[in-house]
Amino acid sequence: MAIVNTPVSQTYARFLSLVWSYFLPASITASTGGGAVTLTAAQVLGGLLVVDTQDAQTATLPTATLLAAALPGGVQVGSSVLFYVRNVGDSTLTIAVGTGITSATGNTLTVATVSTRMFLLRCTAVALSSDPASAYTFTLYSIGVSAH
């Protein structure tokens, strides 16, 4: 059952339902011939990255500034984004943090072949127009893994 006529349900598609998550899967191929993969904010916010990792590769998250700009309605400290990375390839994929993102202590940032790992990005600071030295920052948490 969707919550209708609320600002949240009207501006952020993933909140259309409290029962079913709304995902926009992004299919990515990571191979030596294709070069390094830099993920876009839209891909991360889509909630599901399906990666065909053909050679051991690294996928880098977008910057904290790009993530904050892509979140509808803005971002505040504590705002979080949950996303899954599914590796359907025959090699290990490593997730690297973008500028302004810190990996939480003890994280596992690899996604083994034929498995899925869940991640959470949590906003830890926001850029303030009154303070040019301030910037958006996020912490990346690795939550769990499952085999296909």
N, C-alpha and C. Protein backbone atom coordinates (compact mmCIF):
# COMPACT_ATOMS: atom_id res chain seq x y z
N MET A 1 0.83 -1.16 0.00
CA MET A 1 0.00 0.00 0.00
C MET A 1 0.88 1.23 0.00
N ALA A 2 0.70 2.10 -0.95
CA ALA A 2 1.50 3.32 -1.05
C ALA A 2 0.91 4.42 -0.20
N ILE A 3 1.77 5.27 0.29
CA ILE A 3 1.33 6.47 0.98
C ILE A 3 1.26 7.56 -0.08
N VAL A 4 0.08 8.03 -0.36
CA VAL A 4 -0.09 9.01 -1.43
C VAL A 4 -0.27 10.41 -0.86
N ASN A 5 -0.08 11.39 -1.74
CA ASN A 5 -0.26 12.80 -1.40
C ASN A 5 0.65 13.26 -0.25
N THR A 6 1.84 12.73 -0.18
CA THR A 6 2.84 13.20 0.77
C THR A 6 4.06 13.63 -0.03
N PRO A 7 4.81 14.59 0.45
CA PRO A 7 6.00 15.03 -0.30
C PRO A 7 6.97 13.89 -0.57
N VAL A 8 7.15 12.97 0.38
CA VAL A 8 8.09 11.88 0.19
C VAL A 8 7.66 10.99 -0.96
N SER A 9 6.40 10.57 -0.99
CA SER A 9 5.94 9.65 -2.02
C SER A 9 5.91 10.31 -3.39
N GLN A 10 5.82 11.62 -3.43
CA GLN A 10 5.74 12.31 -4.71
C GLN A 10 7.11 12.65 -5.29
N THR A 11 8.15 12.70 -4.45
CA THR A 11 9.45 13.14 -4.96
C THR A 11 10.51 12.06 -5.00
N TYR A 12 10.33 10.95 -4.34
CA TYR A 12 11.36 9.94 -4.32
C TYR A 12 10.73 8.58 -4.62
N ALA A 13 10.99 8.08 -5.80
CA ALA A 13 10.31 6.89 -6.30
C ALA A 13 10.47 5.67 -5.40
N ARG A 14 11.60 5.53 -4.71
CA ARG A 14 11.80 4.35 -3.88
C ARG A 14 10.89 4.33 -2.66
N PHE A 15 10.19 5.43 -2.35
CA PHE A 15 9.27 5.48 -1.24
C PHE A 15 7.82 5.33 -1.66
N LEU A 16 7.57 4.87 -2.89
CA LEU A 16 6.20 4.72 -3.35
C LEU A 16 5.47 3.63 -2.56
N SER A 17 6.20 2.73 -1.98
CA SER A 17 5.58 1.64 -1.25
C SER A 17 6.38 1.35 0.01
N LEU A 18 5.70 1.11 1.10
CA LEU A 18 6.39 0.71 2.31
C LEU A 18 6.62 -0.79 2.35
N VAL A 19 5.95 -1.53 1.48
CA VAL A 19 6.05 -2.97 1.48
C VAL A 19 7.10 -3.45 0.49
N TRP A 20 7.10 -2.93 -0.72
CA TRP A 20 8.00 -3.36 -1.77
C TRP A 20 8.98 -2.25 -2.11
N SER A 21 10.25 -2.57 -2.11
CA SER A 21 11.25 -1.59 -2.52
C SER A 21 11.16 -1.38 -4.02
N TYR A 22 11.49 -0.19 -4.44
CA TYR A 22 11.45 0.17 -5.86
C TYR A 22 12.88 0.27 -6.36
N PHE A 23 13.26 -0.59 -7.30
CA PHE A 23 14.62 -0.61 -7.80
C PHE A 23 14.64 -0.32 -9.29
N LEU A 24 15.66 0.40 -9.72
CA LEU A 24 15.95 0.62 -11.13
C LEU A 24 17.30 -0.03 -11.40
N PRO A 25 17.32 -1.31 -11.77
CA PRO A 25 18.59 -2.01 -11.93
C PRO A 25 19.47 -1.37 -12.99
N ALA A 26 20.76 -1.32 -12.71
CA ALA A 26 21.76 -0.84 -13.66
C ALA A 26 22.66 -2.01 -14.00
N SER A 27 22.77 -2.35 -15.28
CA SER A 27 23.64 -3.43 -15.73
C SER A 27 24.97 -2.84 -16.18
N ILE A 28 26.06 -3.36 -15.63
CA ILE A 28 27.40 -2.84 -15.89
C ILE A 28 28.32 -4.00 -16.21
N THR A 29 29.21 -3.81 -17.18
CA THR A 29 30.23 -4.80 -17.47
C THR A 29 31.57 -4.23 -17.03
N ALA A 30 32.29 -4.97 -16.21
CA ALA A 30 33.60 -4.54 -15.72
C ALA A 30 34.64 -5.50 -16.27
N SER A 31 35.47 -5.00 -17.17
CA SER A 31 36.51 -5.84 -17.76
C SER A 31 37.77 -5.02 -17.95
N THR A 32 38.90 -5.70 -18.08
CA THR A 32 40.17 -5.01 -18.29
C THR A 32 40.11 -4.15 -19.54
N GLY A 33 39.51 -4.66 -20.60
CA GLY A 33 39.40 -3.90 -21.84
C GLY A 33 38.52 -2.68 -21.71
N GLY A 34 37.56 -2.71 -20.79
CA GLY A 34 36.64 -1.59 -20.62
C GLY A 34 37.17 -0.50 -19.71
N GLY A 35 38.28 -0.74 -19.02
CA GLY A 35 38.84 0.24 -18.11
C GLY A 35 38.12 0.27 -16.79
N ALA A 36 38.53 1.20 -15.94
CA ALA A 36 37.94 1.34 -14.61
C ALA A 36 36.49 1.77 -14.72
N VAL A 37 35.69 1.35 -13.77
CA VAL A 37 34.26 1.69 -13.75
C VAL A 37 34.02 2.72 -12.66
N THR A 38 33.47 3.86 -13.04
CA THR A 38 33.05 4.86 -12.06
C THR A 38 31.53 4.89 -12.10
N LEU A 39 30.92 4.59 -10.98
CA LEU A 39 29.46 4.54 -10.91
C LEU A 39 28.89 5.95 -10.86
N THR A 40 27.70 6.10 -11.40
CA THR A 40 27.01 7.39 -11.34
C THR A 40 26.10 7.41 -10.12
N ALA A 41 25.71 8.60 -9.71
CA ALA A 41 24.78 8.72 -8.59
C ALA A 41 23.45 8.05 -8.93
N ALA A 42 23.01 8.18 -10.17
CA ALA A 42 21.74 7.57 -10.59
C ALA A 42 21.80 6.05 -10.48
N GLN A 43 22.94 5.46 -10.84
CA GLN A 43 23.07 4.00 -10.72
C GLN A 43 22.99 3.56 -9.26
N VAL A 44 23.67 4.26 -8.37
CA VAL A 44 23.65 3.91 -6.95
C VAL A 44 22.24 4.11 -6.38
N LEU A 45 21.62 5.24 -6.70
CA LEU A 45 20.29 5.52 -6.18
C LEU A 45 19.22 4.60 -6.76
N GLY A 46 19.52 3.94 -7.87
CA GLY A 46 18.60 2.96 -8.44
C GLY A 46 18.43 1.76 -7.54
N GLY A 47 19.42 1.50 -6.67
CA GLY A 47 19.28 0.47 -5.66
C GLY A 47 19.85 -0.89 -5.99
N LEU A 48 20.07 -1.19 -7.28
CA LEU A 48 20.58 -2.51 -7.65
C LEU A 48 21.55 -2.37 -8.81
N LEU A 49 22.80 -2.77 -8.55
CA LEU A 49 23.83 -2.76 -9.59
C LEU A 49 24.13 -4.22 -9.93
N VAL A 50 23.88 -4.61 -11.16
CA VAL A 50 24.18 -5.96 -11.62
C VAL A 50 25.44 -5.84 -12.47
N VAL A 51 26.54 -6.40 -11.95
CA VAL A 51 27.85 -6.20 -12.58
C VAL A 51 28.38 -7.53 -13.09
N ASP A 52 28.71 -7.55 -14.37
CA ASP A 52 29.36 -8.70 -14.99
C ASP A 52 30.86 -8.44 -14.90
N THR A 53 31.48 -8.95 -13.85
CA THR A 53 32.91 -8.72 -13.62
C THR A 53 33.69 -9.80 -14.35
N GLN A 54 34.27 -9.41 -15.49
CA GLN A 54 34.97 -10.38 -16.33
C GLN A 54 36.42 -10.56 -15.93
N ASP A 55 37.01 -9.58 -15.32
CA ASP A 55 38.35 -9.65 -14.76
C ASP A 55 38.27 -8.96 -13.40
N ALA A 56 39.16 -9.29 -12.48
CA ALA A 56 39.13 -8.62 -11.17
C ALA A 56 39.17 -7.11 -11.41
N GLN A 57 38.14 -6.43 -10.97
CA GLN A 57 37.99 -5.00 -11.26
C GLN A 57 37.54 -4.24 -10.03
N THR A 58 37.60 -2.91 -10.15
CA THR A 58 37.14 -2.01 -9.10
C THR A 58 36.09 -1.08 -9.67
N ALA A 59 35.01 -0.91 -8.94
CA ALA A 59 33.97 0.06 -9.29
C ALA A 59 34.01 1.14 -8.22
N THR A 60 34.19 2.39 -8.65
CA THR A 60 34.31 3.50 -7.72
C THR A 60 32.98 4.23 -7.58
N LEU A 61 32.58 4.47 -6.34
CA LEU A 61 31.35 5.20 -6.08
C LEU A 61 31.50 6.66 -6.53
N PRO A 62 30.39 7.33 -6.82
CA PRO A 62 30.48 8.76 -7.17
C PRO A 62 30.91 9.57 -5.95
N THR A 63 31.21 10.84 -6.14
CA THR A 63 31.61 11.68 -5.02
C THR A 63 30.42 11.96 -4.12
N ALA A 64 30.71 12.36 -2.89
CA ALA A 64 29.66 12.71 -1.94
C ALA A 64 28.84 13.88 -2.46
N THR A 65 29.47 14.83 -3.11
CA THR A 65 28.77 15.99 -3.65
C THR A 65 27.78 15.58 -4.74
N LEU A 66 28.19 14.66 -5.62
CA LEU A 66 27.29 14.19 -6.68
C LEU A 66 26.12 13.41 -6.10
N LEU A 67 26.38 12.58 -5.09
CA LEU A 67 25.30 11.83 -4.43
C LEU A 67 24.30 12.78 -3.79
N ALA A 68 24.80 13.76 -3.07
CA ALA A 68 23.91 14.71 -2.38
C ALA A 68 23.05 15.48 -3.39
N ALA A 69 23.66 15.89 -4.49
CA ALA A 69 22.91 16.64 -5.51
C ALA A 69 21.83 15.80 -6.18
N ALA A 70 22.04 14.49 -6.24
CA ALA A 70 21.09 13.61 -6.92
C ALA A 70 19.92 13.19 -6.05
N LEU A 71 20.02 13.38 -4.75
CA LEU A 71 18.93 13.00 -3.86
C LEU A 71 17.81 14.03 -3.94
N PRO A 72 16.63 13.62 -4.35
CA PRO A 72 15.52 14.56 -4.45
C PRO A 72 15.16 15.13 -3.08
N GLY A 73 14.90 16.38 -3.03
CA GLY A 73 14.50 17.01 -1.77
C GLY A 73 15.66 17.34 -0.86
N GLY A 74 16.87 17.10 -1.30
CA GLY A 74 18.03 17.44 -0.50
C GLY A 74 18.46 16.33 0.43
N VAL A 75 19.52 16.62 1.15
CA VAL A 75 20.10 15.64 2.05
C VAL A 75 20.43 16.33 3.38
N GLN A 76 20.35 15.58 4.45
CA GLN A 76 20.73 16.10 5.76
C GLN A 76 21.54 15.02 6.47
N VAL A 77 22.20 15.40 7.54
CA VAL A 77 22.97 14.42 8.30
C VAL A 77 22.02 13.31 8.75
N GLY A 78 22.42 12.09 8.50
CA GLY A 78 21.60 10.93 8.84
C GLY A 78 20.85 10.35 7.65
N SER A 79 20.71 11.12 6.57
CA SER A 79 20.07 10.58 5.36
C SER A 79 20.88 9.37 4.90
N SER A 80 20.18 8.32 4.47
CA SER A 80 20.85 7.09 4.08
C SER A 80 20.33 6.57 2.75
N VAL A 81 21.20 5.88 2.05
CA VAL A 81 20.86 5.25 0.78
C VAL A 81 21.31 3.80 0.86
N LEU A 82 20.39 2.88 0.62
CA LEU A 82 20.67 1.45 0.63
C LEU A 82 20.76 0.98 -0.80
N PHE A 83 21.79 0.19 -1.12
CA PHE A 83 21.89 -0.36 -2.48
C PHE A 83 22.58 -1.72 -2.43
N TYR A 84 22.31 -2.51 -3.46
CA TYR A 84 22.85 -3.86 -3.59
C TYR A 84 23.77 -3.91 -4.81
N VAL A 85 24.84 -4.70 -4.68
CA VAL A 85 25.72 -4.96 -5.81
C VAL A 85 25.71 -6.47 -6.03
N ARG A 86 25.26 -6.87 -7.20
CA ARG A 86 25.21 -8.29 -7.57
C ARG A 86 26.29 -8.55 -8.61
N ASN A 87 27.20 -9.44 -8.31
CA ASN A 87 28.29 -9.78 -9.22
C ASN A 87 27.92 -11.08 -9.95
N VAL A 88 27.64 -10.97 -11.23
CA VAL A 88 27.26 -12.14 -12.02
C VAL A 88 28.42 -12.64 -12.88
N GLY A 89 29.58 -12.03 -12.71
CA GLY A 89 30.75 -12.40 -13.51
C GLY A 89 31.56 -13.51 -12.89
N ASP A 90 32.74 -13.74 -13.48
CA ASP A 90 33.59 -14.84 -13.02
C ASP A 90 34.80 -14.36 -12.22
N SER A 91 34.79 -13.09 -11.79
CA SER A 91 35.91 -12.54 -11.02
C SER A 91 35.38 -11.64 -9.90
N THR A 92 36.24 -11.36 -8.95
CA THR A 92 35.87 -10.54 -7.80
C THR A 92 35.78 -9.06 -8.18
N LEU A 93 34.78 -8.38 -7.64
CA LEU A 93 34.61 -6.95 -7.83
C LEU A 93 34.90 -6.25 -6.50
N THR A 94 35.67 -5.17 -6.56
CA THR A 94 35.96 -4.37 -5.37
C THR A 94 35.24 -3.04 -5.51
N ILE A 95 34.59 -2.61 -4.45
CA ILE A 95 33.92 -1.30 -4.42
C ILE A 95 34.88 -0.32 -3.76
N ALA A 96 35.16 0.79 -4.46
CA ALA A 96 36.03 1.84 -3.92
C ALA A 96 35.19 3.07 -3.62
N VAL A 97 35.59 3.82 -2.61
CA VAL A 97 34.85 5.01 -2.22
C VAL A 97 35.26 6.19 -3.09
N GLY A 98 34.29 7.07 -3.36
CA GLY A 98 34.58 8.30 -4.09
C GLY A 98 34.99 9.39 -3.12
N THR A 99 35.38 10.52 -3.64
CA THR A 99 35.80 11.66 -2.82
C THR A 99 34.68 12.06 -1.87
N GLY A 100 35.02 12.23 -0.60
CA GLY A 100 34.03 12.63 0.40
C GLY A 100 33.32 11.46 1.06
N ILE A 101 33.68 10.24 0.67
CA ILE A 101 33.07 9.04 1.25
C ILE A 101 34.15 8.26 1.98
N THR A 102 33.83 7.81 3.18
CA THR A 102 34.76 7.03 4.00
C THR A 102 34.16 5.66 4.23
N SER A 103 35.00 4.64 4.15
CA SER A 103 34.55 3.28 4.45
C SER A 103 34.58 3.06 5.95
N ALA A 104 33.51 2.52 6.50
CA ALA A 104 33.46 2.23 7.94
C ALA A 104 34.50 1.18 8.28
N THR A 105 35.01 1.24 9.49
CA THR A 105 36.00 0.29 9.97
C THR A 105 35.46 -1.13 9.90
N GLY A 106 36.26 -2.03 9.39
CA GLY A 106 35.88 -3.43 9.34
C GLY A 106 35.05 -3.83 8.13
N ASN A 107 34.83 -2.90 7.21
CA ASN A 107 34.03 -3.22 6.02
C ASN A 107 34.71 -4.23 5.12
N THR A 108 33.92 -5.03 4.46
CA THR A 108 34.39 -5.86 3.35
C THR A 108 33.85 -5.20 2.09
N LEU A 109 34.74 -4.75 1.24
CA LEU A 109 34.33 -4.03 0.04
C LEU A 109 34.49 -4.85 -1.23
N THR A 110 34.58 -6.15 -1.08
CA THR A 110 34.65 -7.02 -2.25
C THR A 110 33.33 -7.77 -2.41
N VAL A 111 32.99 -8.03 -3.67
CA VAL A 111 31.80 -8.81 -3.98
C VAL A 111 32.30 -10.01 -4.80
N ALA A 112 32.25 -11.17 -4.19
CA ALA A 112 32.74 -12.38 -4.84
C ALA A 112 31.88 -12.72 -6.05
N THR A 113 32.43 -13.55 -6.90
CA THR A 113 31.69 -13.98 -8.07
C THR A 113 30.42 -14.71 -7.64
N VAL A 114 29.37 -14.49 -8.36
CA VAL A 114 28.06 -15.10 -8.15
C VAL A 114 27.55 -14.85 -6.72
N SER A 115 27.64 -13.60 -6.27
CA SER A 115 27.09 -13.25 -4.96
C SER A 115 26.60 -11.81 -4.99
N THR A 116 25.88 -11.44 -3.94
CA THR A 116 25.32 -10.10 -3.81
C THR A 116 25.71 -9.53 -2.46
N ARG A 117 26.11 -8.27 -2.43
CA ARG A 117 26.45 -7.60 -1.18
C ARG A 117 25.59 -6.35 -1.04
N MET A 118 25.12 -6.11 0.17
CA MET A 118 24.30 -4.94 0.44
C MET A 118 25.18 -3.86 1.09
N PHE A 119 24.96 -2.60 0.66
CA PHE A 119 25.71 -1.47 1.19
C PHE A 119 24.74 -0.37 1.63
N LEU A 120 25.20 0.44 2.58
CA LEU A 120 24.45 1.60 3.04
C LEU A 120 25.38 2.80 3.06
N LEU A 121 24.94 3.89 2.43
CA LEU A 121 25.66 5.16 2.49
C LEU A 121 24.90 6.07 3.43
N ARG A 122 25.57 6.61 4.45
CA ARG A 122 24.92 7.49 5.43
C ARG A 122 25.62 8.84 5.42
N CYS A 123 24.84 9.91 5.27
CA CYS A 123 25.38 11.26 5.26
C CYS A 123 25.87 11.62 6.66
N THR A 124 27.13 12.10 6.74
CA THR A 124 27.71 12.47 8.03
C THR A 124 27.96 13.97 8.17
N ALA A 125 27.91 14.70 7.05
CA ALA A 125 28.07 16.17 7.09
C ALA A 125 27.50 16.74 5.80
N VAL A 126 27.03 17.98 5.88
CA VAL A 126 26.48 18.66 4.70
C VAL A 126 27.27 19.92 4.41
N ALA A 127 27.26 20.33 3.16
CA ALA A 127 27.89 21.58 2.75
C ALA A 127 26.96 22.73 3.11
N LEU A 128 27.52 23.75 3.72
CA LEU A 128 26.73 24.91 4.12
C LEU A 128 27.14 26.11 3.28
N SER A 129 26.16 26.83 2.76
CA SER A 129 26.48 28.02 1.97
C SER A 129 27.16 29.09 2.82
N SER A 130 26.90 29.09 4.12
CA SER A 130 27.52 30.06 5.02
C SER A 130 28.96 29.70 5.40
N ASP A 131 29.38 28.47 5.07
CA ASP A 131 30.74 28.03 5.40
C ASP A 131 31.35 27.35 4.18
N PRO A 132 32.13 28.10 3.40
CA PRO A 132 32.72 27.54 2.18
C PRO A 132 33.65 26.35 2.44
N ALA A 133 34.14 26.21 3.65
CA ALA A 133 35.04 25.09 3.97
C ALA A 133 34.28 23.79 4.23
N SER A 134 32.96 23.88 4.41
CA SER A 134 32.18 22.67 4.69
C SER A 134 31.94 21.89 3.40
N ALA A 135 31.66 20.60 3.56
CA ALA A 135 31.43 19.74 2.40
C ALA A 135 30.53 18.57 2.79
N TYR A 136 29.91 17.97 1.77
CA TYR A 136 29.13 16.76 2.00
C TYR A 136 30.09 15.61 2.27
N THR A 137 29.76 14.78 3.24
CA THR A 137 30.51 13.56 3.48
C THR A 137 29.53 12.43 3.79
N PHE A 138 29.93 11.23 3.42
CA PHE A 138 29.14 10.02 3.67
C PHE A 138 30.05 8.95 4.23
N THR A 139 29.47 8.02 4.98
CA THR A 139 30.18 6.81 5.40
C THR A 139 29.52 5.64 4.72
N LEU A 140 30.35 4.74 4.18
CA LEU A 140 29.87 3.53 3.50
C LEU A 140 29.94 2.35 4.46
N TYR A 141 28.82 1.66 4.60
CA TYR A 141 28.76 0.46 5.44
C TYR A 141 28.46 -0.76 4.56
N SER A 142 29.22 -1.81 4.75
CA SER A 142 28.96 -3.10 4.10
C SER A 142 28.10 -3.90 5.06
N ILE A 143 26.90 -4.25 4.62
CA ILE A 143 25.93 -4.84 5.55
C ILE A 143 25.90 -6.36 5.50
N GLY A 144 26.01 -6.95 4.35
CA GLY A 144 25.93 -8.40 4.30
C GLY A 144 26.13 -8.94 2.90
N VAL A 145 26.22 -10.25 2.82
CA VAL A 145 26.44 -10.92 1.53
C VAL A 145 25.55 -12.14 1.44
N SER A 146 25.16 -12.46 0.21
CA SER A 146 24.40 -13.69 -0.01
C SER A 146 24.84 -14.31 -1.33
N ALA A 147 24.76 -15.62 -1.41
CA ALA A 147 25.07 -16.31 -2.65
C ALA A 147 23.81 -16.37 -3.50
N HIS A 148 23.99 -16.41 -4.79
CA HIS A 148 22.83 -16.48 -5.69
C HIS A 148 22.16 -17.81 -5.56
